[in-house]
Amino acid sequence: ELLKKLEKDSEDESLTTEIGDKGEDLSELEKDDDVTISMEEFNTLWLSFLEAEEEQSYTSAGVKKQELMDVIMDWLGTPYRFGGTTRQRIDCSAFTQKMFLIVSDIMIPRTAREQVHIGKKVKKSELEFGDLIFFHTYSRRFASHVGIYLGDDLFAHASSRHGVTFASLKSTYYKKRFIGGRRLTAQDMVKYSVYKNGNDH
């Protein structure tokens, strides 16, 4: 199975120290992460997806919103580790990669630097549930952090400090470092399909 192979590969420390995204600069994060997300606030958002009309329950690329939300919720609290790709430890881009693999059988690229080039560009004001959102947390030259937009300025990500959690784009830290959003298209769903690429899981 593809998922098992990925997890086996991640146990090789020579791989985990070379591939992945470092996440946030913790000293800056502690200073500027000034918006706290309550579970009550998030649960209200989650329930809105459960109650959505059928025609609104999929992203434009055909990803079922409730399934994606369910998987994100299931992974909440998974500890962060640079290079990690498993339930024991995971970094930000492995988290986004794994969410779409589980829900939609697509294997998007491994790192934020690569993921920022897939899909189509989306303005901050036009973000929708399921869009990938990117930040420069170490250098303005490239994307070094990625999450999945949920709505109401909230996003899910693998945080250096809290592991898989929720955060707000209104936070000073993320507002200052936001690069942009990317939306997967139907073409991406075909291009990155694990079946098209000969993988089975």
N, C-alpha and C. Protein backbone atom coordinates (compact mmCIF):
# COMPACT_ATOMS: atom_id res chain seq x y z
N GLU A 1 0.83 -1.19 0.00
CA GLU A 1 0.00 0.00 0.00
C GLU A 1 0.87 1.24 0.00
N LEU A 2 0.45 2.24 -0.76
CA LEU A 2 1.24 3.46 -0.90
C LEU A 2 1.44 4.19 0.41
N LEU A 3 0.37 4.29 1.22
CA LEU A 3 0.48 4.97 2.51
C LEU A 3 1.51 4.30 3.40
N LYS A 4 1.49 2.96 3.43
CA LYS A 4 2.45 2.22 4.26
C LYS A 4 3.87 2.43 3.78
N LYS A 5 4.04 2.46 2.45
CA LYS A 5 5.37 2.68 1.90
C LYS A 5 5.90 4.06 2.29
N LEU A 6 5.03 5.08 2.22
CA LEU A 6 5.45 6.43 2.62
C LEU A 6 5.88 6.46 4.07
N GLU A 7 5.11 5.79 4.92
CA GLU A 7 5.43 5.79 6.35
C GLU A 7 6.72 5.03 6.61
N LYS A 8 6.95 3.93 5.88
CA LYS A 8 8.19 3.17 6.04
C LYS A 8 9.38 4.02 5.63
N ASP A 9 9.24 4.71 4.48
CA ASP A 9 10.33 5.57 4.00
C ASP A 9 10.67 6.65 5.02
N SER A 10 9.65 7.17 5.70
CA SER A 10 9.87 8.29 6.61
C SER A 10 10.64 7.88 7.86
N GLU A 11 10.69 6.57 8.14
CA GLU A 11 11.43 6.11 9.31
C GLU A 11 12.94 6.14 9.06
N ASP A 12 13.33 6.25 7.79
CA ASP A 12 14.75 6.35 7.44
C ASP A 12 15.21 7.77 7.74
N GLU A 13 16.01 7.95 8.81
CA GLU A 13 16.41 9.29 9.23
C GLU A 13 17.17 10.04 8.16
N SER A 14 17.86 9.30 7.25
CA SER A 14 18.58 9.99 6.18
C SER A 14 17.61 10.68 5.24
N LEU A 15 16.39 10.16 5.14
CA LEU A 15 15.37 10.81 4.31
C LEU A 15 14.72 11.96 5.05
N THR A 16 14.34 11.74 6.30
CA THR A 16 13.57 12.75 7.02
C THR A 16 14.37 14.00 7.31
N THR A 17 15.69 13.91 7.30
CA THR A 17 16.48 15.11 7.55
C THR A 17 16.73 15.90 6.28
N GLU A 18 16.38 15.32 5.12
CA GLU A 18 16.66 16.00 3.86
C GLU A 18 15.40 16.51 3.17
N ILE A 19 14.25 15.88 3.40
CA ILE A 19 13.04 16.22 2.67
C ILE A 19 12.00 16.76 3.63
N GLY A 20 11.40 17.89 3.26
CA GLY A 20 10.32 18.42 4.08
C GLY A 20 10.37 19.92 4.20
N ASP A 21 9.55 20.45 5.10
CA ASP A 21 9.50 21.89 5.36
C ASP A 21 9.67 22.16 6.84
N LYS A 22 10.46 23.18 7.17
CA LYS A 22 10.82 23.44 8.55
C LYS A 22 9.70 24.05 9.39
N GLY A 23 8.64 24.51 8.73
CA GLY A 23 7.55 25.10 9.52
C GLY A 23 7.87 26.52 9.91
N GLU A 24 7.34 26.94 11.08
CA GLU A 24 7.49 28.33 11.48
C GLU A 24 8.79 28.59 12.26
N ASP A 25 9.19 29.85 12.26
CA ASP A 25 10.28 30.30 13.11
C ASP A 25 9.66 30.52 14.49
N LEU A 26 9.97 29.64 15.44
CA LEU A 26 9.25 29.64 16.72
C LEU A 26 9.41 30.93 17.52
N SER A 27 10.56 31.55 17.44
CA SER A 27 10.75 32.79 18.20
C SER A 27 9.83 33.89 17.67
N GLU A 28 9.67 33.94 16.35
CA GLU A 28 8.77 34.91 15.75
C GLU A 28 7.31 34.53 16.00
N LEU A 29 7.04 33.25 15.91
CA LEU A 29 5.67 32.77 16.12
C LEU A 29 5.17 33.10 17.52
N GLU A 30 6.02 32.86 18.51
CA GLU A 30 5.62 33.12 19.89
C GLU A 30 5.32 34.61 20.12
N LYS A 31 6.00 35.45 19.38
CA LYS A 31 5.83 36.89 19.54
C LYS A 31 4.58 37.40 18.82
N ASP A 32 4.30 36.81 17.64
CA ASP A 32 3.27 37.39 16.76
C ASP A 32 2.01 36.54 16.57
N ASP A 33 1.96 35.34 17.14
CA ASP A 33 0.75 34.53 16.97
C ASP A 33 -0.27 34.98 18.01
N ASP A 34 -1.05 36.00 17.66
CA ASP A 34 -1.87 36.69 18.65
C ASP A 34 -3.37 36.48 18.47
N VAL A 35 -3.77 35.45 17.72
CA VAL A 35 -5.19 35.10 17.59
C VAL A 35 -5.38 33.66 18.03
N THR A 36 -6.17 33.47 19.06
CA THR A 36 -6.44 32.13 19.58
C THR A 36 -7.74 31.60 18.98
N ILE A 37 -7.71 30.36 18.51
CA ILE A 37 -8.89 29.73 17.94
C ILE A 37 -9.51 28.80 18.97
N SER A 38 -10.78 29.02 19.30
CA SER A 38 -11.47 28.15 20.24
C SER A 38 -12.08 26.97 19.49
N MET A 39 -12.18 25.83 20.16
CA MET A 39 -12.80 24.67 19.53
C MET A 39 -14.27 24.94 19.24
N GLU A 40 -14.91 25.76 20.04
CA GLU A 40 -16.31 26.10 19.79
C GLU A 40 -16.45 26.83 18.45
N GLU A 41 -15.53 27.76 18.21
CA GLU A 41 -15.53 28.51 16.95
C GLU A 41 -15.30 27.57 15.78
N PHE A 42 -14.37 26.63 15.96
CA PHE A 42 -14.10 25.71 14.87
C PHE A 42 -15.25 24.73 14.67
N ASN A 43 -15.82 24.23 15.75
CA ASN A 43 -16.92 23.29 15.62
C ASN A 43 -18.10 23.90 14.87
N THR A 44 -18.34 25.20 15.07
CA THR A 44 -19.40 25.89 14.34
C THR A 44 -19.13 25.84 12.84
N LEU A 45 -17.86 26.07 12.47
CA LEU A 45 -17.48 26.01 11.07
C LEU A 45 -17.65 24.60 10.52
N TRP A 46 -17.22 23.60 11.31
CA TRP A 46 -17.30 22.21 10.88
C TRP A 46 -18.75 21.80 10.64
N LEU A 47 -19.64 22.18 11.54
CA LEU A 47 -21.05 21.84 11.41
C LEU A 47 -21.66 22.44 10.16
N SER A 48 -21.14 23.60 9.75
CA SER A 48 -21.68 24.24 8.55
C SER A 48 -21.43 23.38 7.32
N PHE A 49 -20.34 22.61 7.32
CA PHE A 49 -20.06 21.72 6.20
C PHE A 49 -20.99 20.51 6.23
N LEU A 50 -21.27 20.02 7.43
CA LEU A 50 -22.15 18.87 7.56
C LEU A 50 -23.56 19.20 7.09
N GLU A 51 -23.94 20.46 7.23
CA GLU A 51 -25.29 20.89 6.88
C GLU A 51 -25.38 21.47 5.47
N ALA A 52 -24.26 21.50 4.76
CA ALA A 52 -24.24 22.13 3.43
C ALA A 52 -25.13 21.37 2.45
N GLU A 53 -25.70 22.12 1.49
CA GLU A 53 -26.47 21.50 0.42
C GLU A 53 -25.53 20.63 -0.41
N GLU A 54 -26.09 19.60 -1.02
CA GLU A 54 -25.28 18.64 -1.77
C GLU A 54 -24.41 19.31 -2.83
N GLU A 55 -24.96 20.30 -3.57
CA GLU A 55 -24.17 20.93 -4.62
C GLU A 55 -23.04 21.79 -4.08
N GLN A 56 -23.07 22.09 -2.78
CA GLN A 56 -22.01 22.88 -2.17
C GLN A 56 -21.02 22.02 -1.38
N SER A 57 -21.19 20.72 -1.45
CA SER A 57 -20.40 19.84 -0.58
C SER A 57 -19.09 19.39 -1.19
N TYR A 58 -18.80 19.84 -2.43
CA TYR A 58 -17.55 19.49 -3.09
C TYR A 58 -16.78 20.76 -3.45
N THR A 59 -15.45 20.66 -3.45
CA THR A 59 -14.64 21.77 -3.96
C THR A 59 -14.77 21.79 -5.48
N SER A 60 -14.28 22.84 -6.11
CA SER A 60 -14.37 22.95 -7.57
C SER A 60 -13.62 21.83 -8.29
N ALA A 61 -12.65 21.22 -7.60
CA ALA A 61 -11.90 20.11 -8.20
C ALA A 61 -12.55 18.75 -7.91
N GLY A 62 -13.61 18.76 -7.11
CA GLY A 62 -14.32 17.51 -6.85
C GLY A 62 -13.94 16.82 -5.55
N VAL A 63 -13.26 17.52 -4.65
CA VAL A 63 -12.91 16.95 -3.35
C VAL A 63 -14.11 17.11 -2.42
N LYS A 64 -14.53 16.03 -1.77
CA LYS A 64 -15.68 16.11 -0.87
C LYS A 64 -15.25 16.84 0.41
N LYS A 65 -15.91 17.97 0.68
CA LYS A 65 -15.51 18.82 1.80
C LYS A 65 -15.62 18.09 3.14
N GLN A 66 -16.72 17.39 3.36
CA GLN A 66 -16.90 16.74 4.65
C GLN A 66 -15.84 15.68 4.90
N GLU A 67 -15.48 14.93 3.85
CA GLU A 67 -14.45 13.90 4.01
C GLU A 67 -13.11 14.53 4.35
N LEU A 68 -12.78 15.63 3.66
CA LEU A 68 -11.52 16.31 3.94
C LEU A 68 -11.53 16.85 5.36
N MET A 69 -12.64 17.43 5.79
CA MET A 69 -12.73 17.95 7.15
C MET A 69 -12.62 16.83 8.17
N ASP A 70 -13.28 15.70 7.90
CA ASP A 70 -13.23 14.57 8.82
C ASP A 70 -11.81 14.06 9.02
N VAL A 71 -11.05 13.98 7.91
CA VAL A 71 -9.67 13.49 8.00
C VAL A 71 -8.80 14.49 8.75
N ILE A 72 -8.99 15.78 8.48
CA ILE A 72 -8.24 16.80 9.21
C ILE A 72 -8.51 16.68 10.70
N MET A 73 -9.78 16.55 11.07
CA MET A 73 -10.15 16.42 12.48
C MET A 73 -9.51 15.18 13.11
N ASP A 74 -9.45 14.11 12.34
CA ASP A 74 -8.86 12.86 12.84
C ASP A 74 -7.37 13.01 13.11
N TRP A 75 -6.70 13.90 12.37
CA TRP A 75 -5.26 14.07 12.52
C TRP A 75 -4.89 15.17 13.51
N LEU A 76 -5.88 15.85 14.06
CA LEU A 76 -5.60 16.91 15.04
C LEU A 76 -4.70 16.39 16.16
N GLY A 77 -3.71 17.19 16.52
CA GLY A 77 -2.83 16.83 17.63
C GLY A 77 -1.63 15.99 17.24
N THR A 78 -1.57 15.54 15.98
CA THR A 78 -0.39 14.78 15.54
C THR A 78 0.85 15.66 15.71
N PRO A 79 1.87 15.20 16.41
CA PRO A 79 3.05 16.04 16.67
C PRO A 79 3.77 16.44 15.39
N TYR A 80 4.43 17.60 15.45
CA TYR A 80 5.20 18.11 14.32
C TYR A 80 6.64 17.57 14.38
N ARG A 81 7.16 17.27 13.20
CA ARG A 81 8.59 17.03 13.08
C ARG A 81 9.01 17.31 11.65
N PHE A 82 10.06 18.10 11.48
CA PHE A 82 10.60 18.39 10.16
C PHE A 82 10.97 17.08 9.47
N GLY A 83 10.40 16.85 8.29
CA GLY A 83 10.67 15.62 7.55
C GLY A 83 9.72 14.49 7.86
N GLY A 84 8.88 14.65 8.90
CA GLY A 84 7.99 13.57 9.29
C GLY A 84 6.82 13.41 8.33
N THR A 85 6.36 12.17 8.15
CA THR A 85 5.24 11.91 7.24
C THR A 85 4.22 10.94 7.83
N THR A 86 4.28 10.67 9.13
CA THR A 86 3.42 9.65 9.72
C THR A 86 2.52 10.22 10.80
N ARG A 87 1.64 9.34 11.34
CA ARG A 87 0.78 9.73 12.45
C ARG A 87 1.58 10.03 13.71
N GLN A 88 2.80 9.52 13.78
CA GLN A 88 3.64 9.78 14.94
C GLN A 88 4.26 11.17 14.89
N ARG A 89 4.52 11.67 13.68
CA ARG A 89 5.15 12.97 13.50
C ARG A 89 5.02 13.37 12.04
N ILE A 90 4.73 14.64 11.81
CA ILE A 90 4.50 15.07 10.42
C ILE A 90 4.86 16.55 10.28
N ASP A 91 5.32 16.93 9.10
CA ASP A 91 5.57 18.36 8.87
C ASP A 91 4.45 18.93 8.00
N CYS A 92 4.51 20.23 7.74
CA CYS A 92 3.36 20.93 7.14
C CYS A 92 3.02 20.43 5.75
N SER A 93 4.02 20.25 4.89
CA SER A 93 3.71 19.86 3.52
C SER A 93 3.37 18.38 3.41
N ALA A 94 3.92 17.56 4.31
CA ALA A 94 3.51 16.15 4.34
C ALA A 94 2.06 16.05 4.79
N PHE A 95 1.65 16.95 5.69
CA PHE A 95 0.26 16.97 6.15
C PHE A 95 -0.68 17.28 4.99
N THR A 96 -0.41 18.32 4.23
CA THR A 96 -1.29 18.66 3.11
C THR A 96 -1.26 17.55 2.06
N GLN A 97 -0.08 17.00 1.80
CA GLN A 97 0.03 15.91 0.84
C GLN A 97 -0.80 14.71 1.29
N LYS A 98 -0.70 14.37 2.56
CA LYS A 98 -1.39 13.19 3.09
C LYS A 98 -2.90 13.38 3.09
N MET A 99 -3.37 14.59 3.42
CA MET A 99 -4.81 14.82 3.45
C MET A 99 -5.45 14.56 2.09
N PHE A 100 -4.83 15.06 1.03
CA PHE A 100 -5.39 14.88 -0.30
C PHE A 100 -5.20 13.45 -0.81
N LEU A 101 -4.13 12.80 -0.38
CA LEU A 101 -3.93 11.40 -0.74
C LEU A 101 -5.03 10.52 -0.14
N ILE A 102 -5.32 10.73 1.13
CA ILE A 102 -6.33 9.93 1.82
C ILE A 102 -7.72 10.17 1.24
N VAL A 103 -8.05 11.43 1.00
CA VAL A 103 -9.41 11.78 0.60
C VAL A 103 -9.64 11.60 -0.90
N SER A 104 -8.63 11.89 -1.72
CA SER A 104 -8.86 11.96 -3.16
C SER A 104 -7.94 11.11 -4.02
N ASP A 105 -7.08 10.30 -3.39
CA ASP A 105 -6.18 9.43 -4.15
C ASP A 105 -5.30 10.21 -5.12
N ILE A 106 -4.85 11.39 -4.68
CA ILE A 106 -3.88 12.13 -5.48
C ILE A 106 -2.62 12.33 -4.65
N MET A 107 -1.49 12.34 -5.32
CA MET A 107 -0.20 12.54 -4.67
C MET A 107 0.42 13.84 -5.16
N ILE A 108 0.12 14.93 -4.43
CA ILE A 108 0.70 16.22 -4.81
C ILE A 108 2.16 16.24 -4.39
N PRO A 109 2.97 17.17 -4.90
CA PRO A 109 4.39 17.21 -4.55
C PRO A 109 4.64 17.28 -3.04
N ARG A 110 5.85 16.94 -2.63
CA ARG A 110 6.16 16.74 -1.21
C ARG A 110 6.37 18.02 -0.42
N THR A 111 6.95 19.06 -1.01
CA THR A 111 7.32 20.23 -0.21
C THR A 111 6.50 21.47 -0.58
N ALA A 112 6.47 22.43 0.34
CA ALA A 112 5.75 23.68 0.09
C ALA A 112 6.33 24.41 -1.13
N ARG A 113 7.63 24.33 -1.31
CA ARG A 113 8.27 25.00 -2.46
C ARG A 113 7.72 24.46 -3.78
N GLU A 114 7.38 23.15 -3.79
CA GLU A 114 6.81 22.53 -4.99
C GLU A 114 5.30 22.73 -5.06
N GLN A 115 4.63 22.59 -3.92
CA GLN A 115 3.18 22.69 -3.90
C GLN A 115 2.68 24.08 -4.32
N VAL A 116 3.49 25.11 -4.08
CA VAL A 116 3.08 26.48 -4.40
C VAL A 116 2.94 26.71 -5.91
N HIS A 117 3.40 25.75 -6.70
CA HIS A 117 3.31 25.89 -8.15
C HIS A 117 2.19 25.06 -8.78
N ILE A 118 1.44 24.30 -7.99
CA ILE A 118 0.38 23.48 -8.56
C ILE A 118 -0.95 24.24 -8.49
N GLY A 119 -1.94 23.76 -9.23
CA GLY A 119 -3.25 24.40 -9.20
C GLY A 119 -3.23 25.78 -9.82
N LYS A 120 -4.25 26.56 -9.51
CA LYS A 120 -4.31 27.93 -10.04
C LYS A 120 -4.23 28.93 -8.89
N LYS A 121 -3.68 30.08 -9.18
CA LYS A 121 -3.48 31.13 -8.18
C LYS A 121 -4.83 31.67 -7.70
N VAL A 122 -4.91 31.92 -6.38
CA VAL A 122 -6.14 32.44 -5.79
C VAL A 122 -5.80 33.64 -4.89
N LYS A 123 -6.54 34.73 -5.05
CA LYS A 123 -6.35 35.89 -4.18
C LYS A 123 -6.85 35.58 -2.77
N LYS A 124 -6.27 36.27 -1.81
CA LYS A 124 -6.67 36.06 -0.41
C LYS A 124 -8.17 36.28 -0.22
N SER A 125 -8.72 37.27 -0.89
CA SER A 125 -10.14 37.61 -0.75
C SER A 125 -11.06 36.58 -1.40
N GLU A 126 -10.48 35.69 -2.21
CA GLU A 126 -11.29 34.72 -2.94
C GLU A 126 -11.03 33.28 -2.48
N LEU A 127 -10.35 33.10 -1.35
CA LEU A 127 -10.05 31.75 -0.86
C LEU A 127 -11.32 30.98 -0.55
N GLU A 128 -11.26 29.68 -0.85
CA GLU A 128 -12.37 28.78 -0.56
C GLU A 128 -11.86 27.56 0.19
N PHE A 129 -12.78 26.86 0.83
CA PHE A 129 -12.43 25.65 1.56
C PHE A 129 -11.64 24.70 0.66
N GLY A 130 -10.55 24.16 1.19
CA GLY A 130 -9.73 23.21 0.46
C GLY A 130 -8.58 23.81 -0.31
N ASP A 131 -8.53 25.15 -0.41
CA ASP A 131 -7.39 25.78 -1.09
C ASP A 131 -6.13 25.62 -0.25
N LEU A 132 -5.01 25.46 -0.92
CA LEU A 132 -3.71 25.45 -0.24
C LEU A 132 -3.28 26.90 -0.03
N ILE A 133 -2.78 27.22 1.15
CA ILE A 133 -2.29 28.58 1.41
C ILE A 133 -0.85 28.51 1.88
N PHE A 134 -0.05 29.49 1.44
CA PHE A 134 1.40 29.43 1.61
C PHE A 134 1.96 30.65 2.34
N PHE A 135 3.08 30.40 3.04
CA PHE A 135 3.72 31.44 3.85
C PHE A 135 5.24 31.35 3.68
N HIS A 136 5.90 32.48 3.84
CA HIS A 136 7.37 32.48 3.91
C HIS A 136 7.73 32.66 5.39
N THR A 137 8.15 31.58 6.01
CA THR A 137 8.43 31.61 7.45
C THR A 137 9.92 31.64 7.78
N TYR A 138 10.77 31.45 6.78
CA TYR A 138 12.22 31.52 7.00
C TYR A 138 12.90 32.48 6.03
N SER A 139 12.40 32.55 4.82
CA SER A 139 12.99 33.42 3.80
C SER A 139 11.90 33.88 2.86
N ARG A 140 11.96 35.14 2.45
CA ARG A 140 10.97 35.67 1.51
C ARG A 140 11.17 35.12 0.11
N ARG A 141 12.25 34.39 -0.10
CA ARG A 141 12.57 33.89 -1.44
C ARG A 141 11.72 32.70 -1.85
N PHE A 142 11.13 32.00 -0.88
CA PHE A 142 10.37 30.81 -1.23
C PHE A 142 9.33 30.47 -0.17
N ALA A 143 8.34 29.67 -0.55
CA ALA A 143 7.32 29.19 0.39
C ALA A 143 7.95 28.13 1.29
N SER A 144 7.77 28.30 2.59
CA SER A 144 8.34 27.34 3.53
C SER A 144 7.29 26.76 4.47
N HIS A 145 6.03 27.19 4.31
CA HIS A 145 4.97 26.67 5.16
C HIS A 145 3.67 26.65 4.36
N VAL A 146 2.83 25.63 4.61
CA VAL A 146 1.60 25.48 3.85
C VAL A 146 0.50 24.92 4.75
N GLY A 147 -0.73 25.33 4.48
CA GLY A 147 -1.87 24.81 5.20
C GLY A 147 -3.05 24.66 4.26
N ILE A 148 -4.18 24.21 4.80
CA ILE A 148 -5.40 24.04 4.02
C ILE A 148 -6.45 25.02 4.54
N TYR A 149 -6.93 25.88 3.65
CA TYR A 149 -7.91 26.89 4.05
C TYR A 149 -9.26 26.25 4.34
N LEU A 150 -9.91 26.71 5.43
CA LEU A 150 -11.18 26.14 5.86
C LEU A 150 -12.35 27.09 5.73
N GLY A 151 -12.08 28.39 5.74
CA GLY A 151 -13.14 29.38 5.72
C GLY A 151 -13.04 30.29 6.93
N ASP A 152 -13.67 31.47 6.86
CA ASP A 152 -13.67 32.43 7.97
C ASP A 152 -12.27 32.75 8.46
N ASP A 153 -11.30 32.81 7.53
CA ASP A 153 -9.89 33.12 7.83
C ASP A 153 -9.19 32.03 8.64
N LEU A 154 -9.80 30.87 8.77
CA LEU A 154 -9.17 29.77 9.51
C LEU A 154 -8.52 28.78 8.55
N PHE A 155 -7.44 28.15 9.01
CA PHE A 155 -6.81 27.11 8.20
C PHE A 155 -6.25 26.02 9.11
N ALA A 156 -6.09 24.84 8.53
CA ALA A 156 -5.49 23.70 9.23
C ALA A 156 -4.07 23.53 8.73
N HIS A 157 -3.17 23.18 9.64
CA HIS A 157 -1.77 22.99 9.25
C HIS A 157 -1.04 22.20 10.32
N ALA A 158 0.16 21.75 9.97
CA ALA A 158 1.03 21.12 10.95
C ALA A 158 1.96 22.20 11.47
N SER A 159 1.72 22.64 12.70
CA SER A 159 2.46 23.74 13.31
C SER A 159 3.68 23.23 14.06
N SER A 160 4.77 23.99 13.94
CA SER A 160 5.99 23.62 14.67
C SER A 160 5.74 23.54 16.17
N ARG A 161 4.85 24.36 16.67
CA ARG A 161 4.61 24.44 18.12
C ARG A 161 3.53 23.48 18.60
N HIS A 162 2.44 23.35 17.83
CA HIS A 162 1.29 22.58 18.32
C HIS A 162 1.01 21.30 17.55
N GLY A 163 1.79 20.99 16.52
CA GLY A 163 1.45 19.85 15.69
C GLY A 163 0.26 20.22 14.80
N VAL A 164 -0.52 19.22 14.38
CA VAL A 164 -1.67 19.50 13.51
C VAL A 164 -2.72 20.26 14.32
N THR A 165 -3.06 21.45 13.84
CA THR A 165 -3.93 22.34 14.59
C THR A 165 -4.60 23.32 13.63
N PHE A 166 -5.32 24.30 14.19
CA PHE A 166 -5.95 25.35 13.41
C PHE A 166 -5.28 26.68 13.75
N ALA A 167 -5.31 27.59 12.80
CA ALA A 167 -4.76 28.93 13.03
C ALA A 167 -5.59 29.93 12.22
N SER A 168 -5.33 31.21 12.45
CA SER A 168 -6.09 32.26 11.79
C SER A 168 -5.18 33.12 10.91
N LEU A 169 -5.69 33.44 9.73
CA LEU A 169 -4.95 34.35 8.85
C LEU A 169 -4.94 35.77 9.40
N LYS A 170 -5.75 36.03 10.42
CA LYS A 170 -5.77 37.34 11.04
C LYS A 170 -4.64 37.49 12.06
N SER A 171 -4.02 36.39 12.43
CA SER A 171 -2.88 36.45 13.34
C SER A 171 -1.77 37.30 12.71
N THR A 172 -1.15 38.14 13.52
CA THR A 172 -0.07 38.98 13.00
C THR A 172 1.01 38.16 12.31
N TYR A 173 1.35 37.03 12.90
CA TYR A 173 2.40 36.18 12.34
C TYR A 173 2.06 35.74 10.92
N TYR A 174 0.89 35.16 10.74
CA TYR A 174 0.52 34.63 9.43
C TYR A 174 0.15 35.73 8.44
N LYS A 175 -0.43 36.80 8.92
CA LYS A 175 -0.80 37.92 8.05
C LYS A 175 0.46 38.51 7.40
N LYS A 176 1.53 38.65 8.18
CA LYS A 176 2.77 39.24 7.66
C LYS A 176 3.47 38.32 6.66
N ARG A 177 3.25 37.02 6.80
CA ARG A 177 4.03 36.06 6.01
C ARG A 177 3.24 35.38 4.91
N PHE A 178 1.98 35.75 4.75
CA PHE A 178 1.14 35.12 3.74
C PHE A 178 1.65 35.41 2.33
N ILE A 179 1.79 34.38 1.52
CA ILE A 179 2.24 34.53 0.13
C ILE A 179 1.05 34.51 -0.82
N GLY A 180 0.16 33.53 -0.64
CA GLY A 180 -0.97 33.41 -1.54
C GLY A 180 -1.61 32.04 -1.45
N GLY A 181 -2.65 31.86 -2.24
CA GLY A 181 -3.36 30.58 -2.26
C GLY A 181 -3.28 29.93 -3.62
N ARG A 182 -3.47 28.61 -3.62
CA ARG A 182 -3.53 27.85 -4.87
C ARG A 182 -4.73 26.91 -4.77
N ARG A 183 -5.48 26.80 -5.85
CA ARG A 183 -6.66 25.94 -5.87
C ARG A 183 -6.44 24.78 -6.83
N LEU A 184 -6.58 23.57 -6.33
CA LEU A 184 -6.47 22.40 -7.18
C LEU A 184 -7.59 22.42 -8.21
N THR A 185 -7.27 21.98 -9.42
CA THR A 185 -8.24 21.94 -10.51
C THR A 185 -8.53 20.49 -10.88
N ALA A 186 -9.53 20.30 -11.74
CA ALA A 186 -9.84 18.95 -12.22
C ALA A 186 -8.63 18.36 -12.94
N GLN A 187 -7.87 19.20 -13.62
CA GLN A 187 -6.67 18.73 -14.31
C GLN A 187 -5.62 18.22 -13.32
N ASP A 188 -5.51 18.91 -12.16
CA ASP A 188 -4.57 18.44 -11.13
C ASP A 188 -5.00 17.08 -10.59
N MET A 189 -6.31 16.88 -10.45
CA MET A 189 -6.81 15.62 -9.92
C MET A 189 -6.40 14.46 -10.83
N VAL A 190 -6.38 14.72 -12.13
CA VAL A 190 -5.95 13.70 -13.09
C VAL A 190 -4.43 13.57 -13.08
N LYS A 191 -3.75 14.71 -13.12
CA LYS A 191 -2.28 14.71 -13.20
C LYS A 191 -1.64 14.00 -12.02
N TYR A 192 -2.17 14.22 -10.81
CA TYR A 192 -1.54 13.67 -9.61
C TYR A 192 -2.22 12.40 -9.10
N SER A 193 -3.14 11.83 -9.89
CA SER A 193 -3.82 10.61 -9.48
C SER A 193 -2.82 9.48 -9.25
N VAL A 194 -2.95 8.78 -8.13
CA VAL A 194 -2.03 7.68 -7.85
C VAL A 194 -2.26 6.53 -8.82
N TYR A 195 -3.45 6.43 -9.36
CA TYR A 195 -3.75 5.36 -10.30
C TYR A 195 -3.13 5.65 -11.64
N LYS A 196 -3.18 6.91 -12.09
CA LYS A 196 -2.55 7.29 -13.36
C LYS A 196 -1.06 7.04 -13.31
N ASN A 197 -0.47 7.26 -12.12
CA ASN A 197 0.99 7.12 -11.99
C ASN A 197 1.40 5.69 -11.60
N GLY A 198 0.44 4.78 -11.66
CA GLY A 198 0.79 3.37 -11.47
C GLY A 198 0.91 2.93 -10.04
N ASN A 199 0.46 3.74 -9.08
CA ASN A 199 0.51 3.35 -7.68
C ASN A 199 -0.84 2.81 -7.25
N ASP A 200 -0.83 1.93 -6.29
CA ASP A 200 -2.07 1.37 -5.76
C ASP A 200 -1.98 1.38 -4.26
N HIS A 201 -3.03 1.82 -3.56
CA HIS A 201 -2.98 1.85 -2.10
C HIS A 201 -4.32 1.48 -1.51
